[in-house]
Amino acid sequence: MGLDVTVSNPCDALGRVHNYGPIWMAFSFVPLGTGDLWWTGLLIGAAFLGSFAFLPAVNRWQEVVVMTGATLSTAVVFTVERANVDALLFMLALAVGHLVARAPAAAYSLITIGAMYKYYPIMMLALVVRERRSFAIVGTAIAALGVYAAIYADQLGRAFKAIPDGFYFTGFFSAQNLPMGSQLLWGVPAELVFAVLLSAFLIAVMATIRSRASDQGALPEQHQKFLIIGSLLMVGCFFIGQSVFYRTIMFLFALPGLLVMARHSTLIRVVIGAILLLMWEGFFRHIWHMWSVDAGNRVIDAPPPLWMARELLSWFVISALFAILAEFAANSPAFTLLPRPKTP
């Protein structure tokens, strides 16, 4: 139709402009319309659910119960209901996890392609620290993304500006929520709240590393790879912007590795429990609104007590995942190859 949907989008019922990668528009020639929503949605949902079979296996019955609870969570149901592109990127990240050791060129190519479509898969490029050719891989990926940015500079600028933000009490996952929400609710300066949270976050990270809870020495290789992928995606999305809560499906990558680590760590067991609560957050929000006096309010709004619990749990979980990433980086080939100071 000749419309620039990064400026205005009359094709969307709510008038939302296109804020994903502009490379999507290169496939506008594909003859799909609103009449194809039912079968494309069904196909994406079925493929997404079927992909769970390729996650690292868990053996103990308690671990099976946890994984079952996570796969039945409202985060997963919401993803299937929306047939969102995050379901496709979940499958892309799953492919990366299986290819990164066997065919690294293919894996990092998928990461680069994913970043062109919805930005945040670029977090997985941090996996290069496990490679001895890390500089070559990063350089190639940056060059490809640089060419992409040069070609689509105008559209990317408009798309970035159109990314929604400011919804601190709804179904969004972000480090911004608690500081900005506290300022709106109680008038506490957001900068002060963020400084306190960041200090507590760093203390929690150091305590996790010191307690050896983040040690991955006993993890099977496959479990560790997916643990790092899930941690990179969730930590990156948490700090860089606001993500709709179906993004918490990416915790599914981290859970198998965490469950193995939890066999020897009480702290990791608590982290797993917090992850399950976050993945089921939509259920608790709905129940709250069903039984509360303000049942007429939008279900997407989280009441202050539930909102506060959700945000504190998010910071706690992310601090543990960050500690795991720090431990992984410190023991990776890219860091162990760096020159060490000579001891007398």
C-alpha atoms as a PDB file:
ATOM      1  CA  MET A   1       0.000   0.000   0.000  1.00  0.00           C
ATOM      2  CA  GLY A   2       3.062   2.255   0.090  1.00  0.00           C
ATOM      3  CA  LEU A   3       2.688   3.180   3.789  1.00  0.00           C
ATOM      4  CA  ASP A   4       5.668   3.720   6.085  1.00  0.00           C
ATOM      5  CA  VAL A   5       4.424   1.836   9.136  1.00  0.00           C
ATOM      6  CA  THR A   6       7.254   3.228  11.295  1.00  0.00           C
ATOM      7  CA  VAL A   7       5.502   6.632  11.005  1.00  0.00           C
ATOM      8  CA  SER A   8       1.803   5.704  11.075  1.00  0.00           C
ATOM      9  CA  ASN A   9       0.073   2.359  10.855  1.00  0.00           C
ATOM     10  CA  PRO A  10      -3.629   2.414   9.932  1.00  0.00           C
ATOM     11  CA  CYS A  11      -3.419  -1.369   9.475  1.00  0.00           C
ATOM     12  CA  ASP A  12      -3.177  -1.823  13.263  1.00  0.00           C
ATOM     13  CA  ALA A  13      -6.432  -1.676  15.238  1.00  0.00           C
ATOM     14  CA  LEU A  14      -4.736   0.372  17.989  1.00  0.00           C
ATOM     15  CA  GLY A  15      -2.669   2.501  15.615  1.00  0.00           C
ATOM     16  CA  ARG A  16       0.621   1.083  16.896  1.00  0.00           C
ATOM     17  CA  VAL A  17       3.542   1.786  14.589  1.00  0.00           C
ATOM     18  CA  HIS A  18       6.097  -0.843  13.599  1.00  0.00           C
ATOM     19  CA  ASN A  19       8.967  -0.902  16.131  1.00  0.00           C
ATOM     20  CA  TYR A  20      10.737  -4.135  15.176  1.00  0.00           C
ATOM     21  CA  GLY A  21      13.669  -4.355  12.810  1.00  0.00           C
ATOM     22  CA  PRO A  22      12.882  -2.738   9.429  1.00  0.00           C
ATOM     23  CA  ILE A  23      14.161  -5.850   7.650  1.00  0.00           C
ATOM     24  CA  TRP A  24      10.667  -7.287   8.233  1.00  0.00           C
ATOM     25  CA  MET A  25       9.425  -4.970   5.500  1.00  0.00           C
ATOM     26  CA  ALA A  26      11.692  -6.708   2.981  1.00  0.00           C
ATOM     27  CA  PHE A  27       9.218  -9.612   3.120  1.00  0.00           C
ATOM     28  CA  SER A  28       6.096  -7.536   2.518  1.00  0.00           C
ATOM     29  CA  PHE A  29       5.738  -9.296  -0.827  1.00  0.00           C
ATOM     30  CA  VAL A  30       4.698 -12.511   0.955  1.00  0.00           C
ATOM     31  CA  PRO A  31       0.953 -12.859   0.217  1.00  0.00           C
ATOM     32  CA  LEU A  32      -0.362 -13.095   3.786  1.00  0.00           C
ATOM     33  CA  GLY A  33      -3.380 -11.226   5.133  1.00  0.00           C
ATOM     34  CA  THR A  34      -5.618 -11.144   8.197  1.00  0.00           C
ATOM     35  CA  GLY A  35      -7.352 -14.272   6.912  1.00  0.00           C
ATOM     36  CA  ASP A  36      -4.118 -16.178   7.451  1.00  0.00           C
ATOM     37  CA  LEU A  37      -3.848 -15.316  11.129  1.00  0.00           C
ATOM     38  CA  TRP A  38      -5.514 -18.507  12.327  1.00  0.00           C
ATOM     39  CA  TRP A  39      -3.231 -20.992  10.609  1.00  0.00           C
ATOM     40  CA  THR A  40       0.012 -18.989  10.999  1.00  0.00           C
ATOM     41  CA  GLY A  41      -0.758 -18.486  14.692  1.00  0.00           C
ATOM     42  CA  LEU A  42      -1.548 -22.168  15.100  1.00  0.00           C
ATOM     43  CA  LEU A  43       1.669 -23.125  13.329  1.00  0.00           C
ATOM     44  CA  ILE A  44       3.844 -20.769  15.407  1.00  0.00           C
ATOM     45  CA  GLY A  45       2.204 -21.869  18.672  1.00  0.00           C
ATOM     46  CA  ALA A  46       2.545 -25.562  17.889  1.00  0.00           C
ATOM     47  CA  ALA A  47       6.182 -25.200  16.802  1.00  0.00           C
ATOM     48  CA  PHE A  48       6.971 -23.168  19.926  1.00  0.00           C
ATOM     49  CA  LEU A  49       5.433 -25.753  22.268  1.00  0.00           C
ATOM     50  CA  GLY A  50       7.050 -28.615  20.352  1.00  0.00           C
ATOM     51  CA  SER A  51      10.466 -26.968  20.680  1.00  0.00           C
ATOM     52  CA  PHE A  52      10.411 -27.589  24.443  1.00  0.00           C
ATOM     53  CA  ALA A  53      11.377 -31.200  23.664  1.00  0.00           C
ATOM     54  CA  PHE A  54      14.811 -29.904  22.611  1.00  0.00           C
ATOM     55  CA  LEU A  55      15.603 -28.200  25.911  1.00  0.00           C
ATOM     56  CA  PRO A  56      18.243 -29.946  28.057  1.00  0.00           C
ATOM     57  CA  ALA A  57      16.748 -32.949  29.827  1.00  0.00           C
ATOM     58  CA  VAL A  58      16.122 -33.160  33.568  1.00  0.00           C
ATOM     59  CA  ASN A  59      16.054 -36.501  35.365  1.00  0.00           C
ATOM     60  CA  ARG A  60      14.733 -36.250  38.904  1.00  0.00           C
ATOM     61  CA  TRP A  61      10.987 -36.139  39.443  1.00  0.00           C
ATOM     62  CA  GLN A  62      11.189 -32.873  41.398  1.00  0.00           C
ATOM     63  CA  GLU A  63      12.986 -31.293  38.439  1.00  0.00           C
ATOM     64  CA  VAL A  64      10.354 -32.612  36.024  1.00  0.00           C
ATOM     65  CA  VAL A  65       7.652 -31.019  38.199  1.00  0.00           C
ATOM     66  CA  VAL A  66       9.437 -27.653  38.100  1.00  0.00           C
ATOM     67  CA  MET A  67       9.903 -27.746  34.317  1.00  0.00           C
ATOM     68  CA  THR A  68       6.276 -28.783  33.856  1.00  0.00           C
ATOM     69  CA  GLY A  69       5.152 -25.900  36.052  1.00  0.00           C
ATOM     70  CA  ALA A  70       7.254 -23.472  34.023  1.00  0.00           C
ATOM     71  CA  THR A  71       5.994 -24.735  30.661  1.00  0.00           C
ATOM     72  CA  LEU A  72       2.374 -24.420  31.842  1.00  0.00           C
ATOM     73  CA  SER A  73       2.894 -20.885  33.174  1.00  0.00           C
ATOM     74  CA  THR A  74       0.927 -17.833  32.114  1.00  0.00           C
ATOM     75  CA  ALA A  75       4.059 -16.509  30.373  1.00  0.00           C
ATOM     76  CA  VAL A  76       3.986 -19.500  28.001  1.00  0.00           C
ATOM     77  CA  VAL A  77       0.204 -19.319  27.544  1.00  0.00           C
ATOM     78  CA  PHE A  78       0.440 -15.588  26.783  1.00  0.00           C
ATOM     79  CA  THR A  79       3.144 -16.252  24.168  1.00  0.00           C
ATOM     80  CA  VAL A  80       1.038 -18.916  22.453  1.00  0.00           C
ATOM     81  CA  GLU A  81      -2.087 -16.745  22.595  1.00  0.00           C
ATOM     82  CA  ARG A  82      -0.281 -13.855  20.921  1.00  0.00           C
ATOM     83  CA  ALA A  83       1.776 -16.038  18.530  1.00  0.00           C
ATOM     84  CA  ASN A  84       4.347 -13.301  19.044  1.00  0.00           C
ATOM     85  CA  VAL A  85       7.703 -13.055  17.301  1.00  0.00           C
ATOM     86  CA  ASP A  86       9.276 -13.895  20.680  1.00  0.00           C
ATOM     87  CA  ALA A  87       8.114 -17.468  20.058  1.00  0.00           C
ATOM     88  CA  LEU A  88      10.164 -17.472  16.847  1.00  0.00           C
ATOM     89  CA  LEU A  89      13.165 -15.949  18.611  1.00  0.00           C
ATOM     90  CA  PHE A  90      12.863 -18.564  21.354  1.00  0.00           C
ATOM     91  CA  MET A  91      13.261 -21.242  18.682  1.00  0.00           C
ATOM     92  CA  LEU A  92      16.151 -19.310  17.143  1.00  0.00           C
ATOM     93  CA  ALA A  93      17.922 -19.179  20.522  1.00  0.00           C
ATOM     94  CA  LEU A  94      17.242 -22.896  20.954  1.00  0.00           C
ATOM     95  CA  ALA A  95      18.950 -23.551  17.616  1.00  0.00           C
ATOM     96  CA  VAL A  96      21.887 -21.372  18.685  1.00  0.00           C
ATOM     97  CA  GLY A  97      22.320 -23.447  21.831  1.00  0.00           C
ATOM     98  CA  HIS A  98      22.526 -26.660  19.829  1.00  0.00           C
ATOM     99  CA  LEU A  99      24.773 -25.239  17.097  1.00  0.00           C
ATOM    100  CA  VAL A 100      27.239 -23.079  19.004  1.00  0.00           C
ATOM    101  CA  ALA A 101      29.623 -25.966  19.748  1.00  0.00           C
ATOM    102  CA  ARG A 102      29.122 -27.967  16.542  1.00  0.00           C
ATOM    103  CA  ALA A 103      28.748 -25.196  13.947  1.00  0.00           C
ATOM    104  CA  PRO A 104      29.702 -21.860  15.540  1.00  0.00           C
ATOM    105  CA  ALA A 105      29.557 -19.962  12.235  1.00  0.00           C
ATOM    106  CA  ALA A 106      25.910 -20.959  11.819  1.00  0.00           C
ATOM    107  CA  ALA A 107      25.118 -20.158  15.455  1.00  0.00           C
ATOM    108  CA  TYR A 108      26.579 -16.651  15.375  1.00  0.00           C
ATOM    109  CA  SER A 109      24.980 -16.007  12.000  1.00  0.00           C
ATOM    110  CA  LEU A 110      21.594 -16.842  13.540  1.00  0.00           C
ATOM    111  CA  ILE A 111      22.293 -14.455  16.415  1.00  0.00           C
ATOM    112  CA  THR A 112      23.125 -11.669  13.978  1.00  0.00           C
ATOM    113  CA  ILE A 113      19.988 -12.351  11.920  1.00  0.00           C
ATOM    114  CA  GLY A 114      17.867 -12.428  15.076  1.00  0.00           C
ATOM    115  CA  ALA A 115      19.271  -9.036  16.136  1.00  0.00           C
ATOM    116  CA  MET A 116      18.185  -7.600  12.808  1.00  0.00           C
ATOM    117  CA  TYR A 117      14.621  -8.707  13.425  1.00  0.00           C
ATOM    118  CA  LYS A 118      14.099  -7.842  17.096  1.00  0.00           C
ATOM    119  CA  TYR A 119      17.308  -6.378  18.518  1.00  0.00           C
ATOM    120  CA  TYR A 120      17.655  -8.247  21.841  1.00  0.00           C
ATOM    121  CA  PRO A 121      19.109 -11.524  20.450  1.00  0.00           C
ATOM    122  CA  ILE A 122      22.342  -9.521  20.098  1.00  0.00           C
ATOM    123  CA  MET A 123      22.876 -10.310  23.812  1.00  0.00           C
ATOM    124  CA  MET A 124      23.808 -13.852  22.806  1.00  0.00           C
ATOM    125  CA  LEU A 125      26.917 -12.550  21.027  1.00  0.00           C
ATOM    126  CA  ALA A 126      28.487 -12.550  24.498  1.00  0.00           C
ATOM    127  CA  LEU A 127      28.784 -16.321  24.027  1.00  0.00           C
ATOM    128  CA  VAL A 128      31.926 -15.534  22.024  1.00  0.00           C
ATOM    129  CA  VAL A 129      33.926 -15.430  25.249  1.00  0.00           C
ATOM    130  CA  ARG A 130      33.866 -19.232  25.072  1.00  0.00           C
ATOM    131  CA  GLU A 131      35.587 -19.108  21.663  1.00  0.00           C
ATOM    132  CA  ARG A 132      39.300 -18.753  21.049  1.00  0.00           C
ATOM    133  CA  ARG A 133      38.505 -16.807  17.851  1.00  0.00           C
ATOM    134  CA  SER A 134      36.261 -14.365  19.686  1.00  0.00           C
ATOM    135  CA  PHE A 135      37.618 -11.163  18.097  1.00  0.00           C
ATOM    136  CA  ALA A 136      37.082 -12.453  14.564  1.00  0.00           C
ATOM    137  CA  ILE A 137      33.519 -13.551  15.345  1.00  0.00           C
ATOM    138  CA  VAL A 138      32.588 -10.283  17.042  1.00  0.00           C
ATOM    139  CA  GLY A 139      34.185  -8.261  14.257  1.00  0.00           C
ATOM    140  CA  THR A 140      32.234 -10.106  11.580  1.00  0.00           C
ATOM    141  CA  ALA A 141      28.942  -9.707  13.455  1.00  0.00           C
ATOM    142  CA  ILE A 142      29.546  -6.001  14.090  1.00  0.00           C
ATOM    143  CA  ALA A 143      30.409  -5.463  10.424  1.00  0.00           C
ATOM    144  CA  ALA A 144      27.195  -7.193   9.305  1.00  0.00           C
ATOM    145  CA  LEU A 145      25.087  -5.196  11.771  1.00  0.00           C
ATOM    146  CA  GLY A 146      26.892  -2.013  10.736  1.00  0.00           C
ATOM    147  CA  VAL A 147      25.941  -2.562   7.097  1.00  0.00           C
ATOM    148  CA  TYR A 148      22.355  -3.280   8.189  1.00  0.00           C
ATOM    149  CA  ALA A 149      22.243  -0.089  10.277  1.00  0.00           C
ATOM    150  CA  ALA A 150      23.630   1.968   7.401  1.00  0.00           C
ATOM    151  CA  ILE A 151      21.020   0.639   4.977  1.00  0.00           C
ATOM    152  CA  TYR A 152      18.071   1.124   7.333  1.00  0.00           C
ATOM    153  CA  ALA A 153      19.307   4.110   9.378  1.00  0.00           C
ATOM    154  CA  ASP A 154      16.145   6.227   9.026  1.00  0.00           C
ATOM    155  CA  GLN A 155      13.735   3.387   9.709  1.00  0.00           C
ATOM    156  CA  LEU A 156      15.778   2.158  12.687  1.00  0.00           C
ATOM    157  CA  GLY A 157      15.767   5.621  14.224  1.00  0.00           C
ATOM    158  CA  ARG A 158      11.985   5.828  14.009  1.00  0.00           C
ATOM    159  CA  ALA A 159      11.529   2.240  15.199  1.00  0.00           C
ATOM    160  CA  PHE A 160      13.678   2.806  18.306  1.00  0.00           C
ATOM    161  CA  LYS A 161      11.652   5.889  19.216  1.00  0.00           C
ATOM    162  CA  ALA A 162       8.428   3.883  18.862  1.00  0.00           C
ATOM    163  CA  ILE A 163       9.435   1.188  21.377  1.00  0.00           C
ATOM    164  CA  PRO A 164       6.869   1.544  24.205  1.00  0.00           C
ATOM    165  CA  ASP A 165       7.974   2.547  27.691  1.00  0.00           C
ATOM    166  CA  GLY A 166       6.593   4.143  30.830  1.00  0.00           C
ATOM    167  CA  PHE A 167       4.286   1.261  31.797  1.00  0.00           C
ATOM    168  CA  TYR A 168       5.785   0.590  35.218  1.00  0.00           C
ATOM    169  CA  PHE A 169       2.787  -1.130  36.874  1.00  0.00           C
ATOM    170  CA  THR A 170       1.620  -3.331  34.010  1.00  0.00           C
ATOM    171  CA  GLY A 171       2.984  -6.576  32.603  1.00  0.00           C
ATOM    172  CA  PHE A 172       6.488  -5.308  31.891  1.00  0.00           C
ATOM    173  CA  PHE A 173       9.832  -6.742  33.017  1.00  0.00           C
ATOM    174  CA  SER A 174      12.474  -4.069  33.570  1.00  0.00           C
ATOM    175  CA  ALA A 175      14.986  -2.522  35.955  1.00  0.00           C
ATOM    176  CA  GLN A 176      13.152   0.789  35.390  1.00  0.00           C
ATOM    177  CA  ASN A 177       9.912  -0.331  37.011  1.00  0.00           C
ATOM    178  CA  LEU A 178      10.772  -0.110  40.704  1.00  0.00           C
ATOM    179  CA  PRO A 179      12.662   3.239  40.646  1.00  0.00           C
ATOM    180  CA  MET A 180      10.163   5.004  38.382  1.00  0.00           C
ATOM    181  CA  GLY A 181       7.133   3.383  40.014  1.00  0.00           C
ATOM    182  CA  SER A 182       8.352   4.369  43.498  1.00  0.00           C
ATOM    183  CA  GLN A 183       8.675   7.953  42.350  1.00  0.00           C
ATOM    184  CA  LEU A 184       5.144   7.951  40.953  1.00  0.00           C
ATOM    185  CA  LEU A 185       3.587   6.188  43.958  1.00  0.00           C
ATOM    186  CA  TRP A 186       5.450   7.695  46.902  1.00  0.00           C
ATOM    187  CA  GLY A 187       7.493  10.599  45.520  1.00  0.00           C
ATOM    188  CA  VAL A 188      10.838   8.925  46.272  1.00  0.00           C
ATOM    189  CA  PRO A 189      13.444  10.125  43.737  1.00  0.00           C
ATOM    190  CA  ALA A 190      13.970   7.451  41.100  1.00  0.00           C
ATOM    191  CA  GLU A 191      17.731   8.091  41.113  1.00  0.00           C
ATOM    192  CA  LEU A 192      17.919   7.334  44.844  1.00  0.00           C
ATOM    193  CA  VAL A 193      15.893   4.134  44.514  1.00  0.00           C
ATOM    194  CA  PHE A 194      18.040   2.974  41.591  1.00  0.00           C
ATOM    195  CA  ALA A 195      21.268   3.712  43.515  1.00  0.00           C
ATOM    196  CA  VAL A 196      20.039   1.641  46.471  1.00  0.00           C
ATOM    197  CA  LEU A 197      18.897  -1.192  44.211  1.00  0.00           C
ATOM    198  CA  LEU A 198      22.162  -1.217  42.269  1.00  0.00           C
ATOM    199  CA  SER A 199      24.182  -1.326  45.494  1.00  0.00           C
ATOM    200  CA  ALA A 200      22.090  -4.224  46.803  1.00  0.00           C
ATOM    201  CA  PHE A 201      22.383  -5.901  43.397  1.00  0.00           C
ATOM    202  CA  LEU A 202      26.205  -5.758  43.424  1.00  0.00           C
ATOM    203  CA  ILE A 203      26.346  -7.032  47.004  1.00  0.00           C
ATOM    204  CA  ALA A 204      24.044  -9.924  46.061  1.00  0.00           C
ATOM    205  CA  VAL A 205      26.192 -10.760  43.019  1.00  0.00           C
ATOM    206  CA  MET A 206      29.389 -10.820  45.078  1.00  0.00           C
ATOM    207  CA  ALA A 207      27.728 -12.873  47.831  1.00  0.00           C
ATOM    208  CA  THR A 208      26.458 -15.398  45.263  1.00  0.00           C
ATOM    209  CA  ILE A 209      29.919 -15.798  43.741  1.00  0.00           C
ATOM    210  CA  ARG A 210      31.604 -15.996  47.139  1.00  0.00           C
ATOM    211  CA  SER A 211      29.169 -18.686  48.312  1.00  0.00           C
ATOM    212  CA  ARG A 212      30.066 -20.753  45.205  1.00  0.00           C
ATOM    213  CA  ALA A 213      26.363 -20.949  44.347  1.00  0.00           C
ATOM    214  CA  SER A 214      27.222 -19.703  40.842  1.00  0.00           C
ATOM    215  CA  ASP A 215      29.821 -22.426  40.247  1.00  0.00           C
ATOM    216  CA  GLN A 216      29.094 -24.380  37.048  1.00  0.00           C
ATOM    217  CA  GLY A 217      31.906 -26.915  37.255  1.00  0.00           C
ATOM    218  CA  ALA A 218      29.556 -29.889  37.665  1.00  0.00           C
ATOM    219  CA  LEU A 219      27.147 -28.862  34.900  1.00  0.00           C
ATOM    220  CA  PRO A 220      26.866 -30.922  31.707  1.00  0.00           C
ATOM    221  CA  GLU A 221      28.015 -28.836  28.737  1.00  0.00           C
ATOM    222  CA  GLN A 222      24.547 -28.651  27.175  1.00  0.00           C
ATOM    223  CA  HIS A 223      22.958 -27.461  30.405  1.00  0.00           C
ATOM    224  CA  GLN A 224      25.608 -24.792  30.843  1.00  0.00           C
ATOM    225  CA  LYS A 225      25.219 -23.454  27.297  1.00  0.00           C
ATOM    226  CA  PHE A 226      21.492 -22.978  27.702  1.00  0.00           C
ATOM    227  CA  LEU A 227      21.917 -21.570  31.207  1.00  0.00           C
ATOM    228  CA  ILE A 228      24.204 -18.890  29.786  1.00  0.00           C
ATOM    229  CA  ILE A 229      21.864 -18.178  26.857  1.00  0.00           C
ATOM    230  CA  GLY A 230      18.885 -17.737  29.186  1.00  0.00           C
ATOM    231  CA  SER A 231      20.924 -15.594  31.583  1.00  0.00           C
ATOM    232  CA  LEU A 232      22.253 -13.350  28.805  1.00  0.00           C
ATOM    233  CA  LEU A 233      18.793 -12.760  27.361  1.00  0.00           C
ATOM    234  CA  MET A 234      17.079 -12.078  30.681  1.00  0.00           C
ATOM    235  CA  VAL A 235      19.834  -9.925  32.230  1.00  0.00           C
ATOM    236  CA  GLY A 236      20.207  -7.927  29.018  1.00  0.00           C
ATOM    237  CA  CYS A 237      16.485  -7.335  28.559  1.00  0.00           C
ATOM    238  CA  PHE A 238      16.074  -6.409  32.242  1.00  0.00           C
ATOM    239  CA  PHE A 239      18.619  -3.588  32.166  1.00  0.00           C
ATOM    240  CA  ILE A 240      18.344  -2.280  28.599  1.00  0.00           C
ATOM    241  CA  GLY A 241      14.619  -1.545  28.409  1.00  0.00           C
ATOM    242  CA  GLN A 242      11.108  -2.721  29.171  1.00  0.00           C
ATOM    243  CA  SER A 243       9.915  -6.118  27.967  1.00  0.00           C
ATOM    244  CA  VAL A 244       6.391  -7.504  27.954  1.00  0.00           C
ATOM    245  CA  PHE A 245       6.199 -10.301  30.525  1.00  0.00           C
ATOM    246  CA  TYR A 246       5.996 -13.058  27.934  1.00  0.00           C
ATOM    247  CA  ARG A 247       9.745 -12.407  27.553  1.00  0.00           C
ATOM    248  CA  THR A 248      10.120 -14.467  30.753  1.00  0.00           C
ATOM    249  CA  ILE A 249       9.749 -17.572  28.558  1.00  0.00           C
ATOM    250  CA  MET A 250      13.513 -17.182  28.118  1.00  0.00           C
ATOM    251  CA  PHE A 251      13.893 -18.413  31.718  1.00  0.00           C
ATOM    252  CA  LEU A 252      13.119 -21.855  30.276  1.00  0.00           C
ATOM    253  CA  PHE A 253      16.647 -21.965  28.862  1.00  0.00           C
ATOM    254  CA  ALA A 254      18.195 -21.341  32.278  1.00  0.00           C
ATOM    255  CA  LEU A 255      16.009 -23.667  34.355  1.00  0.00           C
ATOM    256  CA  PRO A 256      17.548 -27.080  33.420  1.00  0.00           C
ATOM    257  CA  GLY A 257      21.028 -25.887  34.388  1.00  0.00           C
ATOM    258  CA  LEU A 258      19.749 -24.191  37.523  1.00  0.00           C
ATOM    259  CA  LEU A 259      17.974 -27.386  38.552  1.00  0.00           C
ATOM    260  CA  VAL A 260      21.247 -29.333  38.354  1.00  0.00           C
ATOM    261  CA  MET A 261      23.009 -26.606  40.365  1.00  0.00           C
ATOM    262  CA  ALA A 262      20.165 -26.605  42.901  1.00  0.00           C
ATOM    263  CA  ARG A 263      21.057 -30.157  43.912  1.00  0.00           C
ATOM    264  CA  HIS A 264      23.902 -28.628  45.937  1.00  0.00           C
ATOM    265  CA  SER A 265      22.733 -25.049  46.571  1.00  0.00           C
ATOM    266  CA  THR A 266      19.840 -23.761  48.676  1.00  0.00           C
ATOM    267  CA  LEU A 267      20.241 -20.296  47.171  1.00  0.00           C
ATOM    268  CA  ILE A 268      19.700 -21.617  43.635  1.00  0.00           C
ATOM    269  CA  ARG A 269      16.572 -23.449  44.848  1.00  0.00           C
ATOM    270  CA  VAL A 270      15.203 -20.110  46.048  1.00  0.00           C
ATOM    271  CA  VAL A 271      16.110 -18.539  42.682  1.00  0.00           C
ATOM    272  CA  ILE A 272      14.182 -21.276  40.861  1.00  0.00           C
ATOM    273  CA  GLY A 273      11.148 -20.666  43.066  1.00  0.00           C
ATOM    274  CA  ALA A 274      11.336 -16.948  42.297  1.00  0.00           C
ATOM    275  CA  ILE A 275      11.545 -17.659  38.554  1.00  0.00           C
ATOM    276  CA  LEU A 276       8.405 -19.782  38.723  1.00  0.00           C
ATOM    277  CA  LEU A 277       6.566 -17.000  40.546  1.00  0.00           C
ATOM    278  CA  LEU A 278       7.643 -14.497  37.889  1.00  0.00           C
ATOM    279  CA  MET A 279       6.530 -16.791  35.060  1.00  0.00           C
ATOM    280  CA  TRP A 280       3.140 -17.199  36.777  1.00  0.00           C
ATOM    281  CA  GLU A 281       2.838 -13.471  37.601  1.00  0.00           C
ATOM    282  CA  GLY A 282      -0.038 -12.977  35.161  1.00  0.00           C
ATOM    283  CA  PHE A 283      -2.074 -15.632  36.981  1.00  0.00           C
ATOM    284  CA  PHE A 284      -1.604 -13.970  40.378  1.00  0.00           C
ATOM    285  CA  ARG A 285      -2.441 -10.565  38.892  1.00  0.00           C
ATOM    286  CA  HIS A 286      -5.649 -11.960  37.408  1.00  0.00           C
ATOM    287  CA  ILE A 287      -6.662 -13.680  40.661  1.00  0.00           C
ATOM    288  CA  TRP A 288      -6.004 -10.478  42.616  1.00  0.00           C
ATOM    289  CA  HIS A 289      -8.292  -8.491  40.337  1.00  0.00           C
ATOM    290  CA  MET A 290     -10.969 -11.190  40.391  1.00  0.00           C
ATOM    291  CA  TRP A 291     -11.297 -11.086  44.169  1.00  0.00           C
ATOM    292  CA  SER A 292     -10.431  -7.473  44.975  1.00  0.00           C
ATOM    293  CA  VAL A 293     -12.850  -4.578  45.312  1.00  0.00           C
ATOM    294  CA  ASP A 294     -11.293  -2.865  42.271  1.00  0.00           C
ATOM    295  CA  ALA A 295     -12.169  -5.784  40.017  1.00  0.00           C
ATOM    296  CA  GLY A 296     -13.312  -3.318  37.378  1.00  0.00           C
ATOM    297  CA  ASN A 297      -9.755  -2.089  36.795  1.00  0.00           C
ATOM    298  CA  ARG A 298      -7.686  -3.398  33.923  1.00  0.00           C
ATOM    299  CA  VAL A 299      -6.185  -6.790  34.679  1.00  0.00           C
ATOM    300  CA  ILE A 300      -2.904  -5.593  33.174  1.00  0.00           C
ATOM    301  CA  ASP A 301      -2.389  -3.259  36.166  1.00  0.00           C
ATOM    302  CA  ALA A 302      -0.527  -4.843  39.071  1.00  0.00           C
ATOM    303  CA  PRO A 303      -1.693  -3.621  42.521  1.00  0.00           C
ATOM    304  CA  PRO A 304       1.103  -2.074  44.636  1.00  0.00           C
ATOM    305  CA  PRO A 305       1.744  -5.080  46.953  1.00  0.00           C
ATOM    306  CA  LEU A 306       1.941  -7.552  44.064  1.00  0.00           C
ATOM    307  CA  TRP A 307       3.916  -5.062  41.987  1.00  0.00           C
ATOM    308  CA  MET A 308       6.480  -4.533  44.762  1.00  0.00           C
ATOM    309  CA  ALA A 309       6.899  -8.298  45.307  1.00  0.00           C
ATOM    310  CA  ARG A 310       7.291  -8.850  41.553  1.00  0.00           C
ATOM    311  CA  GLU A 311       9.942  -6.162  41.169  1.00  0.00           C
ATOM    312  CA  LEU A 312      12.001  -7.284  44.172  1.00  0.00           C
ATOM    313  CA  LEU A 313      11.890 -10.885  42.938  1.00  0.00           C
ATOM    314  CA  SER A 314      13.040  -9.700  39.505  1.00  0.00           C
ATOM    315  CA  TRP A 315      16.082  -7.915  40.954  1.00  0.00           C
ATOM    316  CA  PHE A 316      16.907 -10.961  43.092  1.00  0.00           C
ATOM    317  CA  VAL A 317      16.731 -13.395  40.170  1.00  0.00           C
ATOM    318  CA  ILE A 318      18.713 -11.132  37.854  1.00  0.00           C
ATOM    319  CA  SER A 319      21.459 -10.719  40.474  1.00  0.00           C
ATOM    320  CA  ALA A 320      21.858 -14.520  40.619  1.00  0.00           C
ATOM    321  CA  LEU A 321      21.922 -14.840  36.820  1.00  0.00           C
ATOM    322  CA  PHE A 322      24.454 -12.008  36.581  1.00  0.00           C
ATOM    323  CA  ALA A 323      26.691 -13.827  39.079  1.00  0.00           C
ATOM    324  CA  ILE A 324      26.459 -16.949  36.910  1.00  0.00           C
ATOM    325  CA  LEU A 325      27.461 -14.905  33.848  1.00  0.00           C
ATOM    326  CA  ALA A 326      30.402 -13.382  35.728  1.00  0.00           C
ATOM    327  CA  GLU A 327      31.595 -16.834  36.796  1.00  0.00           C
ATOM    328  CA  PHE A 328      31.229 -18.106  33.240  1.00  0.00           C
ATOM    329  CA  ALA A 329      33.176 -15.158  31.786  1.00  0.00           C
ATOM    330  CA  ALA A 330      35.972 -15.437  34.340  1.00  0.00           C
ATOM    331  CA  ASN A 331      36.576 -19.075  33.377  1.00  0.00           C
ATOM    332  CA  SER A 332      36.140 -18.677  29.615  1.00  0.00           C
ATOM    333  CA  PRO A 333      38.942 -19.048  27.046  1.00  0.00           C
ATOM    334  CA  ALA A 334      38.736 -15.386  26.016  1.00  0.00           C
ATOM    335  CA  PHE A 335      39.646 -14.308  29.560  1.00  0.00           C
ATOM    336  CA  THR A 336      42.050 -17.099  30.471  1.00  0.00           C
ATOM    337  CA  LEU A 337      44.119 -16.236  27.359  1.00  0.00           C
ATOM    338  CA  LEU A 338      44.684 -12.685  28.582  1.00  0.00           C
ATOM    339  CA  PRO A 339      48.196 -12.019  29.912  1.00  0.00           C
ATOM    340  CA  ARG A 340      48.423 -12.378  33.678  1.00  0.00           C
ATOM    341  CA  PRO A 341      50.649 -10.198  35.874  1.00  0.00           C
ATOM    342  CA  LYS A 342      53.809 -12.012  36.881  1.00  0.00           C
ATOM    343  CA  THR A 343      54.145 -12.877  40.523  1.00  0.00           C
ATOM    344  CA  PRO A 344      57.549 -12.403  42.128  1.00  0.00           C
END
